[in-house]
Amino acid sequence: MASTTTTILPKDHIKLRSTIHQKLIESGEKERLKVLLKSKLVEGGWRDEVKIACREYIKNNQNENFKIEDLIALITPIAKKKVPPQVKADLIKRIRKFLGPNIQNHHHHHHHIHIQSNTPNSPHH
């Protein structure tokens, strides 16, 4: 298999994500985002909805061997779906703003490399 692929490899994505994660943690922004997210979710009634869903599950599975892992596995996707789109959008906007210049540079940098290695059999720079 020829290894001149144009796509950004998942590896790059993971690297980029961990860089972002690092920056968020180091700056204390991650904690701020957590607090912000929590208050937005409580405000929007999300936490109550998830609580109700948990309660229902527990009520319906009282007789069986009840495991907290099962509850988490079942509730997590439901909880994720229930997050209001506006809350998600706000969070993403805030992360983008926080990353601002960093992420721009990172992207431009990458694209040049990929554009050059676009043509098959071209020598690698």
PDB file of N, CA and C in Angstrom:
ATOM      1  N   MET A   1       0.827  -1.215   0.000  1.00  0.00           N
ATOM      2  CA  MET A   1       0.000   0.000   0.000  1.00  0.00           C
ATOM      3  C   MET A   1       0.858   1.261   0.000  1.00  0.00           C
ATOM      4  N   ALA A   2       0.534   2.176  -0.894  1.00  0.00           N
ATOM      5  CA  ALA A   2       1.283   3.444  -0.944  1.00  0.00           C
ATOM      6  C   ALA A   2       0.896   4.274   0.271  1.00  0.00           C
ATOM      7  N   SER A   3       1.890   4.916   0.858  1.00  0.00           N
ATOM      8  CA  SER A   3       1.587   5.646   2.086  1.00  0.00           C
ATOM      9  C   SER A   3       1.490   7.143   1.860  1.00  0.00           C
ATOM     10  N   THR A   4       1.133   7.568   0.642  1.00  0.00           N
ATOM     11  CA  THR A   4       0.926   9.007   0.423  1.00  0.00           C
ATOM     12  C   THR A   4      -0.571   9.295   0.498  1.00  0.00           C
ATOM     13  N   THR A   5      -1.090   9.352   1.710  1.00  0.00           N
ATOM     14  CA  THR A   5      -2.511   9.645   1.871  1.00  0.00           C
ATOM     15  C   THR A   5      -2.700  11.133   2.103  1.00  0.00           C
ATOM     16  N   THR A   6      -3.824  11.640   1.628  1.00  0.00           N
ATOM     17  CA  THR A   6      -4.100  13.066   1.761  1.00  0.00           C
ATOM     18  C   THR A   6      -4.823  13.370   3.059  1.00  0.00           C
ATOM     19  N   THR A   7      -5.572  12.410   3.546  1.00  0.00           N
ATOM     20  CA  THR A   7      -6.404  12.688   4.710  1.00  0.00           C
ATOM     21  C   THR A   7      -5.552  12.917   5.941  1.00  0.00           C
ATOM     22  N   ILE A   8      -6.116  13.698   6.858  1.00  0.00           N
ATOM     23  CA  ILE A   8      -5.456  13.874   8.144  1.00  0.00           C
ATOM     24  C   ILE A   8      -5.676  12.576   8.898  1.00  0.00           C
ATOM     25  N   LEU A   9      -4.626  11.967   9.323  1.00  0.00           N
ATOM     26  CA  LEU A   9      -4.731  10.679   9.974  1.00  0.00           C
ATOM     27  C   LEU A   9      -5.368  10.823  11.343  1.00  0.00           C
ATOM     28  N   PRO A  10      -6.068   9.758  11.760  1.00  0.00           N
ATOM     29  CA  PRO A  10      -6.666   9.791  13.098  1.00  0.00           C
ATOM     30  C   PRO A  10      -5.614  10.115  14.156  1.00  0.00           C
ATOM     31  N   LYS A  11      -4.397   9.635  13.909  1.00  0.00           N
ATOM     32  CA  LYS A  11      -3.299   9.921  14.848  1.00  0.00           C
ATOM     33  C   LYS A  11      -3.157  11.418  15.062  1.00  0.00           C
ATOM     34  N   ASP A  12      -3.179  12.177  13.955  1.00  0.00           N
ATOM     35  CA  ASP A  12      -3.068  13.634  14.052  1.00  0.00           C
ATOM     36  C   ASP A  12      -4.208  14.202  14.879  1.00  0.00           C
ATOM     37  N   HIS A  13      -5.386  13.646  14.647  1.00  0.00           N
ATOM     38  CA  HIS A  13      -6.562  14.111  15.365  1.00  0.00           C
ATOM     39  C   HIS A  13      -6.407  13.881  16.851  1.00  0.00           C
ATOM     40  N   ILE A  14      -5.932  12.692  17.187  1.00  0.00           N
ATOM     41  CA  ILE A  14      -5.750  12.353  18.595  1.00  0.00           C
ATOM     42  C   ILE A  14      -4.726  13.283  19.207  1.00  0.00           C
ATOM     43  N   LYS A  15      -3.643  13.511  18.450  1.00  0.00           N
ATOM     44  CA  LYS A  15      -2.583  14.384  18.938  1.00  0.00           C
ATOM     45  C   LYS A  15      -3.156  15.783  19.165  1.00  0.00           C
ATOM     46  N   LEU A  16      -3.918  16.255  18.201  1.00  0.00           N
ATOM     47  CA  LEU A  16      -4.507  17.587  18.286  1.00  0.00           C
ATOM     48  C   LEU A  16      -5.450  17.654  19.482  1.00  0.00           C
ATOM     49  N   ARG A  17      -6.254  16.608  19.633  1.00  0.00           N
ATOM     50  CA  ARG A  17      -7.199  16.596  20.744  1.00  0.00           C
ATOM     51  C   ARG A  17      -6.489  16.616  22.079  1.00  0.00           C
ATOM     52  N   SER A  18      -5.394  15.856  22.194  1.00  0.00           N
ATOM     53  CA  SER A  18      -4.717  15.839  23.489  1.00  0.00           C
ATOM     54  C   SER A  18      -4.001  17.160  23.732  1.00  0.00           C
ATOM     55  N   THR A  19      -3.557  17.815  22.654  1.00  0.00           N
ATOM     56  CA  THR A  19      -2.953  19.147  22.802  1.00  0.00           C
ATOM     57  C   THR A  19      -4.003  20.116  23.328  1.00  0.00           C
ATOM     58  N   ILE A  20      -5.178  20.059  22.737  1.00  0.00           N
ATOM     59  CA  ILE A  20      -6.276  20.932  23.157  1.00  0.00           C
ATOM     60  C   ILE A  20      -6.611  20.663  24.622  1.00  0.00           C
ATOM     61  N   HIS A  21      -6.707  19.378  24.938  1.00  0.00           N
ATOM     62  CA  HIS A  21      -7.035  18.965  26.294  1.00  0.00           C
ATOM     63  C   HIS A  21      -6.011  19.522  27.278  1.00  0.00           C
ATOM     64  N   GLN A  22      -4.754  19.380  26.906  1.00  0.00           N
ATOM     65  CA  GLN A  22      -3.642  19.878  27.719  1.00  0.00           C
ATOM     66  C   GLN A  22      -3.822  21.375  27.979  1.00  0.00           C
ATOM     67  N   LYS A  23      -4.067  22.133  26.904  1.00  0.00           N
ATOM     68  CA  LYS A  23      -4.210  23.586  27.019  1.00  0.00           C
ATOM     69  C   LYS A  23      -5.381  23.955  27.913  1.00  0.00           C
ATOM     70  N   LEU A  24      -6.484  23.203  27.758  1.00  0.00           N
ATOM     71  CA  LEU A  24      -7.665  23.491  28.563  1.00  0.00           C
ATOM     72  C   LEU A  24      -7.375  23.250  30.038  1.00  0.00           C
ATOM     73  N   ILE A  25      -6.652  22.180  30.325  1.00  0.00           N
ATOM     74  CA  ILE A  25      -6.350  21.859  31.722  1.00  0.00           C
ATOM     75  C   ILE A  25      -5.374  22.876  32.305  1.00  0.00           C
ATOM     76  N   GLU A  26      -4.278  23.103  31.582  1.00  0.00           N
ATOM     77  CA  GLU A  26      -3.234  24.001  32.085  1.00  0.00           C
ATOM     78  C   GLU A  26      -3.769  25.395  32.394  1.00  0.00           C
ATOM     79  N   SER A  27      -4.659  25.869  31.555  1.00  0.00           N
ATOM     80  CA  SER A  27      -5.138  27.248  31.722  1.00  0.00           C
ATOM     81  C   SER A  27      -6.234  27.348  32.767  1.00  0.00           C
ATOM     82  N   GLY A  28      -6.729  26.181  33.206  1.00  0.00           N
ATOM     83  CA  GLY A  28      -7.836  26.207  34.162  1.00  0.00           C
ATOM     84  C   GLY A  28      -9.178  26.375  33.461  1.00  0.00           C
ATOM     85  N   GLU A  29      -9.141  26.474  32.147  1.00  0.00           N
ATOM     86  CA  GLU A  29     -10.384  26.666  31.389  1.00  0.00           C
ATOM     87  C   GLU A  29     -11.281  25.432  31.497  1.00  0.00           C
ATOM     88  N   LYS A  30     -10.672  24.245  31.615  1.00  0.00           N
ATOM     89  CA  LYS A  30     -11.483  23.031  31.692  1.00  0.00           C
ATOM     90  C   LYS A  30     -12.394  23.070  32.912  1.00  0.00           C
ATOM     91  N   GLU A  31     -11.829  23.501  34.038  1.00  0.00           N
ATOM     92  CA  GLU A  31     -12.633  23.586  35.259  1.00  0.00           C
ATOM     93  C   GLU A  31     -13.764  24.592  35.079  1.00  0.00           C
ATOM     94  N   ARG A  32     -13.423  25.736  34.470  1.00  0.00           N
ATOM     95  CA  ARG A  32     -14.444  26.774  34.248  1.00  0.00           C
ATOM     96  C   ARG A  32     -15.552  26.238  33.353  1.00  0.00           C
ATOM     97  N   LEU A  33     -15.161  25.489  32.319  1.00  0.00           N
ATOM     98  CA  LEU A  33     -16.162  24.938  31.403  1.00  0.00           C
ATOM     99  C   LEU A  33     -17.058  23.943  32.125  1.00  0.00           C
ATOM    100  N   LYS A  34     -16.457  23.142  33.002  1.00  0.00           N
ATOM    101  CA  LYS A  34     -17.239  22.157  33.768  1.00  0.00           C
ATOM    102  C   LYS A  34     -18.298  22.853  34.598  1.00  0.00           C
ATOM    103  N   VAL A  35     -17.871  23.910  35.301  1.00  0.00           N
ATOM    104  CA  VAL A  35     -18.784  24.651  36.166  1.00  0.00           C
ATOM    105  C   VAL A  35     -19.905  25.266  35.324  1.00  0.00           C
ATOM    106  N   LEU A  36     -19.502  25.857  34.195  1.00  0.00           N
ATOM    107  CA  LEU A  36     -20.457  26.492  33.294  1.00  0.00           C
ATOM    108  C   LEU A  36     -21.469  25.475  32.775  1.00  0.00           C
ATOM    109  N   LEU A  37     -20.948  24.334  32.330  1.00  0.00           N
ATOM    110  CA  LEU A  37     -21.804  23.293  31.770  1.00  0.00           C
ATOM    111  C   LEU A  37     -22.794  22.805  32.820  1.00  0.00           C
ATOM    112  N   LYS A  38     -22.279  22.585  34.020  1.00  0.00           N
ATOM    113  CA  LYS A  38     -23.127  22.074  35.096  1.00  0.00           C
ATOM    114  C   LYS A  38     -24.277  23.031  35.367  1.00  0.00           C
ATOM    115  N   SER A  39     -23.950  24.318  35.474  1.00  0.00           N
ATOM    116  CA  SER A  39     -25.012  25.270  35.803  1.00  0.00           C
ATOM    117  C   SER A  39     -26.008  25.385  34.651  1.00  0.00           C
ATOM    118  N   LYS A  40     -25.521  25.309  33.414  1.00  0.00           N
ATOM    119  CA  LYS A  40     -26.435  25.385  32.264  1.00  0.00           C
ATOM    120  C   LYS A  40     -27.364  24.174  32.229  1.00  0.00           C
ATOM    121  N   LEU A  41     -26.811  23.009  32.549  1.00  0.00           N
ATOM    122  CA  LEU A  41     -27.619  21.795  32.509  1.00  0.00           C
ATOM    123  C   LEU A  41     -28.650  21.782  33.632  1.00  0.00           C
ATOM    124  N   VAL A  42     -28.266  22.276  34.793  1.00  0.00           N
ATOM    125  CA  VAL A  42     -29.206  22.338  35.907  1.00  0.00           C
ATOM    126  C   VAL A  42     -30.321  23.323  35.560  1.00  0.00           C
ATOM    127  N   GLU A  43     -29.906  24.488  35.042  1.00  0.00           N
ATOM    128  CA  GLU A  43     -30.875  25.524  34.645  1.00  0.00           C
ATOM    129  C   GLU A  43     -31.884  24.983  33.642  1.00  0.00           C
ATOM    130  N   GLY A  44     -31.365  24.270  32.651  1.00  0.00           N
ATOM    131  CA  GLY A  44     -32.227  23.792  31.567  1.00  0.00           C
ATOM    132  C   GLY A  44     -33.072  22.596  31.957  1.00  0.00           C
ATOM    133  N   GLY A  45     -32.939  22.144  33.204  1.00  0.00           N
ATOM    134  CA  GLY A  45     -33.743  21.024  33.667  1.00  0.00           C
ATOM    135  C   GLY A  45     -33.192  19.672  33.242  1.00  0.00           C
ATOM    136  N   TRP A  46     -32.002  19.689  32.647  1.00  0.00           N
ATOM    137  CA  TRP A  46     -31.403  18.432  32.167  1.00  0.00           C
ATOM    138  C   TRP A  46     -31.161  17.469  33.321  1.00  0.00           C
ATOM    139  N   ARG A  47     -30.603  18.000  34.413  1.00  0.00           N
ATOM    140  CA  ARG A  47     -30.249  17.128  35.524  1.00  0.00           C
ATOM    141  C   ARG A  47     -31.487  16.429  36.082  1.00  0.00           C
ATOM    142  N   ASP A  48     -32.587  17.168  36.164  1.00  0.00           N
ATOM    143  CA  ASP A  48     -33.819  16.578  36.674  1.00  0.00           C
ATOM    144  C   ASP A  48     -34.311  15.473  35.758  1.00  0.00           C
ATOM    145  N   GLU A  49     -34.236  15.709  34.444  1.00  0.00           N
ATOM    146  CA  GLU A  49     -34.680  14.700  33.480  1.00  0.00           C
ATOM    147  C   GLU A  49     -33.866  13.420  33.628  1.00  0.00           C
ATOM    148  N   VAL A  50     -32.558  13.592  33.780  1.00  0.00           N
ATOM    149  CA  VAL A  50     -31.690  12.428  33.914  1.00  0.00           C
ATOM    150  C   VAL A  50     -31.990  11.701  35.231  1.00  0.00           C
ATOM    151  N   LYS A  51     -32.224  12.470  36.283  1.00  0.00           N
ATOM    152  CA  LYS A  51     -32.577  11.873  37.580  1.00  0.00           C
ATOM    153  C   LYS A  51     -33.838  11.028  37.450  1.00  0.00           C
ATOM    154  N   ILE A  52     -34.835  11.586  36.765  1.00  0.00           N
ATOM    155  CA  ILE A  52     -36.098  10.872  36.584  1.00  0.00           C
ATOM    156  C   ILE A  52     -35.861   9.579  35.808  1.00  0.00           C
ATOM    157  N   ALA A  53     -35.065   9.662  34.755  1.00  0.00           N
ATOM    158  CA  ALA A  53     -34.757   8.477  33.948  1.00  0.00           C
ATOM    159  C   ALA A  53     -34.079   7.407  34.809  1.00  0.00           C
ATOM    160  N   CYS A  54     -33.164   7.825  35.676  1.00  0.00           N
ATOM    161  CA  CYS A  54     -32.470   6.893  36.575  1.00  0.00           C
ATOM    162  C   CYS A  54     -33.462   6.240  37.527  1.00  0.00           C
ATOM    163  N   ARG A  55     -34.330   7.083  38.077  1.00  0.00           N
ATOM    164  CA  ARG A  55     -35.312   6.577  39.033  1.00  0.00           C
ATOM    165  C   ARG A  55     -36.218   5.534  38.390  1.00  0.00           C
ATOM    166  N   GLU A  56     -36.663   5.836  37.163  1.00  0.00           N
ATOM    167  CA  GLU A  56     -37.515   4.909  36.420  1.00  0.00           C
ATOM    168  C   GLU A  56     -36.813   3.570  36.249  1.00  0.00           C
ATOM    169  N   TYR A  57     -35.549   3.666  35.825  1.00  0.00           N
ATOM    170  CA  TYR A  57     -34.769   2.455  35.565  1.00  0.00           C
ATOM    171  C   TYR A  57     -34.667   1.612  36.835  1.00  0.00           C
ATOM    172  N   ILE A  58     -34.367   2.264  37.933  1.00  0.00           N
ATOM    173  CA  ILE A  58     -34.189   1.551  39.202  1.00  0.00           C
ATOM    174  C   ILE A  58     -35.511   0.904  39.629  1.00  0.00           C
ATOM    175  N   LYS A  59     -36.593   1.658  39.454  1.00  0.00           N
ATOM    176  CA  LYS A  59     -37.924   1.150  39.828  1.00  0.00           C
ATOM    177  C   LYS A  59     -38.258  -0.099  39.006  1.00  0.00           C
ATOM    178  N   ASN A  60     -37.948  -0.027  37.696  1.00  0.00           N
ATOM    179  CA  ASN A  60     -38.286  -1.132  36.807  1.00  0.00           C
ATOM    180  C   ASN A  60     -37.368  -2.342  36.962  1.00  0.00           C
ATOM    181  N   ASN A  61     -36.212  -2.144  37.572  1.00  0.00           N
ATOM    182  CA  ASN A  61     -35.274  -3.257  37.670  1.00  0.00           C
ATOM    183  C   ASN A  61     -34.982  -3.648  39.113  1.00  0.00           C
ATOM    184  N   GLN A  62     -35.919  -3.337  39.988  1.00  0.00           N
ATOM    185  CA  GLN A  62     -35.707  -3.605  41.405  1.00  0.00           C
ATOM    186  C   GLN A  62     -35.461  -5.071  41.708  1.00  0.00           C
ATOM    187  N   ASN A  63     -36.217  -5.936  41.048  1.00  0.00           N
ATOM    188  CA  ASN A  63     -36.174  -7.345  41.401  1.00  0.00           C
ATOM    189  C   ASN A  63     -34.910  -8.024  40.867  1.00  0.00           C
ATOM    190  N   GLU A  64     -34.374  -7.473  39.771  1.00  0.00           N
ATOM    191  CA  GLU A  64     -33.211  -8.119  39.177  1.00  0.00           C
ATOM    192  C   GLU A  64     -31.945  -7.741  39.926  1.00  0.00           C
ATOM    193  N   ASN A  65     -30.864  -8.368  39.502  1.00  0.00           N
ATOM    194  CA  ASN A  65     -29.575  -8.041  40.079  1.00  0.00           C
ATOM    195  C   ASN A  65     -29.169  -6.678  39.566  1.00  0.00           C
ATOM    196  N   PHE A  66     -29.364  -5.680  40.370  1.00  0.00           N
ATOM    197  CA  PHE A  66     -29.172  -4.314  39.892  1.00  0.00           C
ATOM    198  C   PHE A  66     -27.714  -3.884  39.990  1.00  0.00           C
ATOM    199  N   LYS A  67     -27.157  -3.536  38.839  1.00  0.00           N
ATOM    200  CA  LYS A  67     -25.767  -3.090  38.821  1.00  0.00           C
ATOM    201  C   LYS A  67     -25.686  -1.636  38.381  1.00  0.00           C
ATOM    202  N   ILE A  68     -24.873  -0.860  39.082  1.00  0.00           N
ATOM    203  CA  ILE A  68     -24.725   0.561  38.735  1.00  0.00           C
ATOM    204  C   ILE A  68     -24.143   0.708  37.329  1.00  0.00           C
ATOM    205  N   GLU A  69     -23.293  -0.240  36.923  1.00  0.00           N
ATOM    206  CA  GLU A  69     -22.687  -0.167  35.574  1.00  0.00           C
ATOM    207  C   GLU A  69     -23.773  -0.202  34.502  1.00  0.00           C
ATOM    208  N   ASP A  70     -24.773  -1.075  34.732  1.00  0.00           N
ATOM    209  CA  ASP A  70     -25.860  -1.177  33.750  1.00  0.00           C
ATOM    210  C   ASP A  70     -26.608   0.134  33.652  1.00  0.00           C
ATOM    211  N   LEU A  71     -26.837   0.723  34.811  1.00  0.00           N
ATOM    212  CA  LEU A  71     -27.549   1.998  34.847  1.00  0.00           C
ATOM    213  C   LEU A  71     -26.767   3.044  34.059  1.00  0.00           C
ATOM    214  N   ILE A  72     -25.459   3.115  34.314  1.00  0.00           N
ATOM    215  CA  ILE A  72     -24.616   4.098  33.628  1.00  0.00           C
ATOM    216  C   ILE A  72     -24.627   3.843  32.117  1.00  0.00           C
ATOM    217  N   ALA A  73     -24.467   2.575  31.743  1.00  0.00           N
ATOM    218  CA  ALA A  73     -24.432   2.233  30.316  1.00  0.00           C
ATOM    219  C   ALA A  73     -25.730   2.637  29.624  1.00  0.00           C
ATOM    220  N   LEU A  74     -26.824   2.455  30.331  1.00  0.00           N
ATOM    221  CA  LEU A  74     -28.114   2.770  29.735  1.00  0.00           C
ATOM    222  C   LEU A  74     -28.383   4.272  29.708  1.00  0.00           C
ATOM    223  N   ILE A  75     -28.044   4.937  30.787  1.00  0.00           N
ATOM    224  CA  ILE A  75     -28.388   6.355  30.937  1.00  0.00           C
ATOM    225  C   ILE A  75     -27.469   7.272  30.138  1.00  0.00           C
ATOM    226  N   THR A  76     -26.182   6.913  30.003  1.00  0.00           N
ATOM    227  CA  THR A  76     -25.234   7.812  29.332  1.00  0.00           C
ATOM    228  C   THR A  76     -25.715   8.276  27.965  1.00  0.00           C
ATOM    229  N   PRO A  77     -26.074   7.339  27.049  1.00  0.00           N
ATOM    230  CA  PRO A  77     -26.538   7.830  25.737  1.00  0.00           C
ATOM    231  C   PRO A  77     -27.792   8.685  25.836  1.00  0.00           C
ATOM    232  N   ILE A  78     -28.692   8.324  26.750  1.00  0.00           N
ATOM    233  CA  ILE A  78     -29.922   9.111  26.930  1.00  0.00           C
ATOM    234  C   ILE A  78     -29.552  10.509  27.414  1.00  0.00           C
ATOM    235  N   ALA A  79     -28.671  10.559  28.398  1.00  0.00           N
ATOM    236  CA  ALA A  79     -28.260  11.838  28.971  1.00  0.00           C
ATOM    237  C   ALA A  79     -27.600  12.713  27.912  1.00  0.00           C
ATOM    238  N   LYS A  80     -26.760  12.086  27.057  1.00  0.00           N
ATOM    239  CA  LYS A  80     -26.082  12.849  26.005  1.00  0.00           C
ATOM    240  C   LYS A  80     -27.095  13.426  25.037  1.00  0.00           C
ATOM    241  N   LYS A  81     -28.102  12.612  24.682  1.00  0.00           N
ATOM    242  CA  LYS A  81     -29.121  13.083  23.733  1.00  0.00           C
ATOM    243  C   LYS A  81     -29.933  14.235  24.318  1.00  0.00           C
ATOM    244  N   LYS A  82     -30.087  14.215  25.626  1.00  0.00           N
ATOM    245  CA  LYS A  82     -30.937  15.227  26.265  1.00  0.00           C
ATOM    246  C   LYS A  82     -30.243  16.579  26.435  1.00  0.00           C
ATOM    247  N   VAL A  83     -28.934  16.621  26.207  1.00  0.00           N
ATOM    248  CA  VAL A  83     -28.237  17.905  26.355  1.00  0.00           C
ATOM    249  C   VAL A  83     -28.804  18.871  25.312  1.00  0.00           C
ATOM    250  N   PRO A  84     -29.301  20.023  25.742  1.00  0.00           N
ATOM    251  CA  PRO A  84     -29.884  20.965  24.785  1.00  0.00           C
ATOM    252  C   PRO A  84     -28.850  21.407  23.744  1.00  0.00           C
ATOM    253  N   PRO A  85     -29.244  21.451  22.452  1.00  0.00           N
ATOM    254  CA  PRO A  85     -28.307  21.832  21.385  1.00  0.00           C
ATOM    255  C   PRO A  85     -27.654  23.180  21.664  1.00  0.00           C
ATOM    256  N   GLN A  86     -28.407  24.085  22.277  1.00  0.00           N
ATOM    257  CA  GLN A  86     -27.874  25.416  22.553  1.00  0.00           C
ATOM    258  C   GLN A  86     -26.688  25.340  23.518  1.00  0.00           C
ATOM    259  N   VAL A  87     -26.807  24.447  24.489  1.00  0.00           N
ATOM    260  CA  VAL A  87     -25.738  24.287  25.474  1.00  0.00           C
ATOM    261  C   VAL A  87     -24.483  23.768  24.772  1.00  0.00           C
ATOM    262  N   LYS A  88     -24.679  22.765  23.901  1.00  0.00           N
ATOM    263  CA  LYS A  88     -23.546  22.226  23.142  1.00  0.00           C
ATOM    264  C   LYS A  88     -22.904  23.324  22.307  1.00  0.00           C
ATOM    265  N   ALA A  89     -23.736  24.068  21.596  1.00  0.00           N
ATOM    266  CA  ALA A  89     -23.235  25.125  20.714  1.00  0.00           C
ATOM    267  C   ALA A  89     -22.426  26.158  21.499  1.00  0.00           C
ATOM    268  N   ASP A  90     -22.953  26.563  22.650  1.00  0.00           N
ATOM    269  CA  ASP A  90     -22.259  27.548  23.484  1.00  0.00           C
ATOM    270  C   ASP A  90     -20.902  27.043  23.918  1.00  0.00           C
ATOM    271  N   LEU A  91     -20.879  25.778  24.305  1.00  0.00           N
ATOM    272  CA  LEU A  91     -19.643  25.177  24.794  1.00  0.00           C
ATOM    273  C   LEU A  91     -18.599  25.131  23.680  1.00  0.00           C
ATOM    274  N   ILE A  92     -19.036  24.701  22.511  1.00  0.00           N
ATOM    275  CA  ILE A  92     -18.112  24.613  21.367  1.00  0.00           C
ATOM    276  C   ILE A  92     -17.589  25.997  21.012  1.00  0.00           C
ATOM    277  N   LYS A  93     -18.499  26.970  21.011  1.00  0.00           N
ATOM    278  CA  LYS A  93     -18.098  28.341  20.689  1.00  0.00           C
ATOM    279  C   LYS A  93     -17.029  28.821  21.666  1.00  0.00           C
ATOM    280  N   ARG A  94     -17.261  28.497  22.937  1.00  0.00           N
ATOM    281  CA  ARG A  94     -16.337  28.954  23.970  1.00  0.00           C
ATOM    282  C   ARG A  94     -14.962  28.287  23.823  1.00  0.00           C
ATOM    283  N   ILE A  95     -14.970  27.005  23.504  1.00  0.00           N
ATOM    284  CA  ILE A  95     -13.694  26.295  23.316  1.00  0.00           C
ATOM    285  C   ILE A  95     -12.968  26.867  22.106  1.00  0.00           C
ATOM    286  N   ARG A  96     -13.727  27.120  21.019  1.00  0.00           N
ATOM    287  CA  ARG A  96     -13.118  27.689  19.811  1.00  0.00           C
ATOM    288  C   ARG A  96     -12.475  29.031  20.115  1.00  0.00           C
ATOM    289  N   LYS A  97     -13.205  29.845  20.862  1.00  0.00           N
ATOM    290  CA  LYS A  97     -12.716  31.181  21.194  1.00  0.00           C
ATOM    291  C   LYS A  97     -11.445  31.064  22.030  1.00  0.00           C
ATOM    292  N   PHE A  98     -11.494  30.114  22.959  1.00  0.00           N
ATOM    293  CA  PHE A  98     -10.340  29.891  23.837  1.00  0.00           C
ATOM    294  C   PHE A  98      -9.129  29.456  23.022  1.00  0.00           C
ATOM    295  N   LEU A  99      -9.359  28.565  22.065  1.00  0.00           N
ATOM    296  CA  LEU A  99      -8.236  28.047  21.273  1.00  0.00           C
ATOM    297  C   LEU A  99      -7.776  29.073  20.252  1.00  0.00           C
ATOM    298  N   GLY A 100      -8.752  29.785  19.706  1.00  0.00           N
ATOM    299  CA  GLY A 100      -8.506  30.844  18.735  1.00  0.00           C
ATOM    300  C   GLY A 100      -7.253  30.679  17.905  1.00  0.00           C
ATOM    301  N   PRO A 101      -6.238  31.497  18.206  1.00  0.00           N
ATOM    302  CA  PRO A 101      -5.029  31.518  17.390  1.00  0.00           C
ATOM    303  C   PRO A 101      -4.301  30.175  17.344  1.00  0.00           C
ATOM    304  N   ASN A 102      -4.240  29.468  18.456  1.00  0.00           N
ATOM    305  CA  ASN A 102      -3.512  28.197  18.491  1.00  0.00           C
ATOM    306  C   ASN A 102      -3.980  27.248  17.407  1.00  0.00           C
ATOM    307  N   ILE A 103      -5.282  27.080  17.360  1.00  0.00           N
ATOM    308  CA  ILE A 103      -5.826  26.071  16.470  1.00  0.00           C
ATOM    309  C   ILE A 103      -5.633  26.495  15.018  1.00  0.00           C
ATOM    310  N   GLN A 104      -5.741  27.797  14.744  1.00  0.00           N
ATOM    311  CA  GLN A 104      -5.551  28.280  13.376  1.00  0.00           C
ATOM    312  C   GLN A 104      -4.174  27.873  12.874  1.00  0.00           C
ATOM    313  N   ASN A 105      -3.159  28.223  13.646  1.00  0.00           N
ATOM    314  CA  ASN A 105      -1.801  27.910  13.218  1.00  0.00           C
ATOM    315  C   ASN A 105      -1.637  26.430  12.962  1.00  0.00           C
ATOM    316  N   HIS A 106      -2.163  25.655  13.880  1.00  0.00           N
ATOM    317  CA  HIS A 106      -2.020  24.214  13.781  1.00  0.00           C
ATOM    318  C   HIS A 106      -2.589  23.728  12.456  1.00  0.00           C
ATOM    319  N   HIS A 107      -3.767  24.242  12.111  1.00  0.00           N
ATOM    320  CA  HIS A 107      -4.429  23.798  10.886  1.00  0.00           C
ATOM    321  C   HIS A 107      -3.648  24.190   9.649  1.00  0.00           C
ATOM    322  N   HIS A 108      -3.280  25.459   9.538  1.00  0.00           N
ATOM    323  CA  HIS A 108      -2.597  25.920   8.332  1.00  0.00           C
ATOM    324  C   HIS A 108      -1.352  25.103   8.126  1.00  0.00           C
ATOM    325  N   HIS A 109      -0.668  24.909   9.194  1.00  0.00           N
ATOM    326  CA  HIS A 109       0.563  24.156   9.167  1.00  0.00           C
ATOM    327  C   HIS A 109       0.360  22.803   8.519  1.00  0.00           C
ATOM    328  N   HIS A 110      -0.682  22.122   8.991  1.00  0.00           N
ATOM    329  CA  HIS A 110      -0.954  20.782   8.513  1.00  0.00           C
ATOM    330  C   HIS A 110      -1.343  20.759   7.057  1.00  0.00           C
ATOM    331  N   HIS A 111      -2.192  21.725   6.663  1.00  0.00           N
ATOM    332  CA  HIS A 111      -2.729  21.663   5.310  1.00  0.00           C
ATOM    333  C   HIS A 111      -1.642  21.766   4.268  1.00  0.00           C
ATOM    334  N   HIS A 112      -0.654  22.616   4.505  1.00  0.00           N
ATOM    335  CA  HIS A 112       0.404  22.750   3.501  1.00  0.00           C
ATOM    336  C   HIS A 112       1.070  21.419   3.267  1.00  0.00           C
ATOM    337  N   ILE A 113       1.378  20.738   4.334  1.00  0.00           N
ATOM    338  CA  ILE A 113       2.048  19.450   4.206  1.00  0.00           C
ATOM    339  C   ILE A 113       1.185  18.515   3.379  1.00  0.00           C
ATOM    340  N   HIS A 114      -0.116  18.479   3.713  1.00  0.00           N
ATOM    341  CA  HIS A 114      -0.980  17.523   3.029  1.00  0.00           C
ATOM    342  C   HIS A 114      -1.193  17.884   1.570  1.00  0.00           C
ATOM    343  N   ILE A 115      -1.274  19.172   1.284  1.00  0.00           N
ATOM    344  CA  ILE A 115      -1.504  19.581  -0.098  1.00  0.00           C
ATOM    345  C   ILE A 115      -0.294  19.180  -0.943  1.00  0.00           C
ATOM    346  N   GLN A 116       0.895  19.351  -0.401  1.00  0.00           N
ATOM    347  CA  GLN A 116       2.087  18.998  -1.165  1.00  0.00           C
ATOM    348  C   GLN A 116       2.156  17.501  -1.440  1.00  0.00           C
ATOM    349  N   SER A 117       1.758  16.700  -0.476  1.00  0.00           N
ATOM    350  CA  SER A 117       1.870  15.252  -0.687  1.00  0.00           C
ATOM    351  C   SER A 117       0.626  14.710  -1.375  1.00  0.00           C
ATOM    352  N   ASN A 118      -0.100  15.613  -2.020  1.00  0.00           N
ATOM    353  CA  ASN A 118      -1.344  15.262  -2.663  1.00  0.00           C
ATOM    354  C   ASN A 118      -1.122  14.405  -3.906  1.00  0.00           C
ATOM    355  N   THR A 119      -0.165  14.810  -4.724  1.00  0.00           N
ATOM    356  CA  THR A 119       0.043  14.108  -5.990  1.00  0.00           C
ATOM    357  C   THR A 119       0.752  12.789  -5.737  1.00  0.00           C
ATOM    358  N   PRO A 120       0.272  11.714  -6.340  1.00  0.00           N
ATOM    359  CA  PRO A 120       0.906  10.415  -6.134  1.00  0.00           C
ATOM    360  C   PRO A 120       2.344  10.461  -6.646  1.00  0.00           C
ATOM    361  N   ASN A 121       3.199   9.672  -6.034  1.00  0.00           N
ATOM    362  CA  ASN A 121       4.609   9.544  -6.426  1.00  0.00           C
ATOM    363  C   ASN A 121       5.436  10.810  -6.325  1.00  0.00           C
ATOM    364  N   SER A 122       4.901  11.868  -5.715  1.00  0.00           N
ATOM    365  CA  SER A 122       5.727  13.061  -5.580  1.00  0.00           C
ATOM    366  C   SER A 122       6.721  12.823  -4.462  1.00  0.00           C
ATOM    367  N   PRO A 123       7.933  13.330  -4.608  1.00  0.00           N
ATOM    368  CA  PRO A 123       8.930  13.154  -3.532  1.00  0.00           C
ATOM    369  C   PRO A 123       8.464  13.882  -2.290  1.00  0.00           C
ATOM    370  N   HIS A 124       8.720  13.298  -1.130  1.00  0.00           N
ATOM    371  CA  HIS A 124       8.294  13.922   0.123  1.00  0.00           C
ATOM    372  C   HIS A 124       9.225  15.052   0.503  1.00  0.00           C
ATOM    373  N   HIS A 125       8.630  16.189   0.883  1.00  0.00           N
ATOM    374  CA  HIS A 125       9.461  17.316   1.318  1.00  0.00           C
ATOM    375  C   HIS A 125       9.690  17.206   2.808  1.00  0.00           C
TER     376      HIS A 125
END
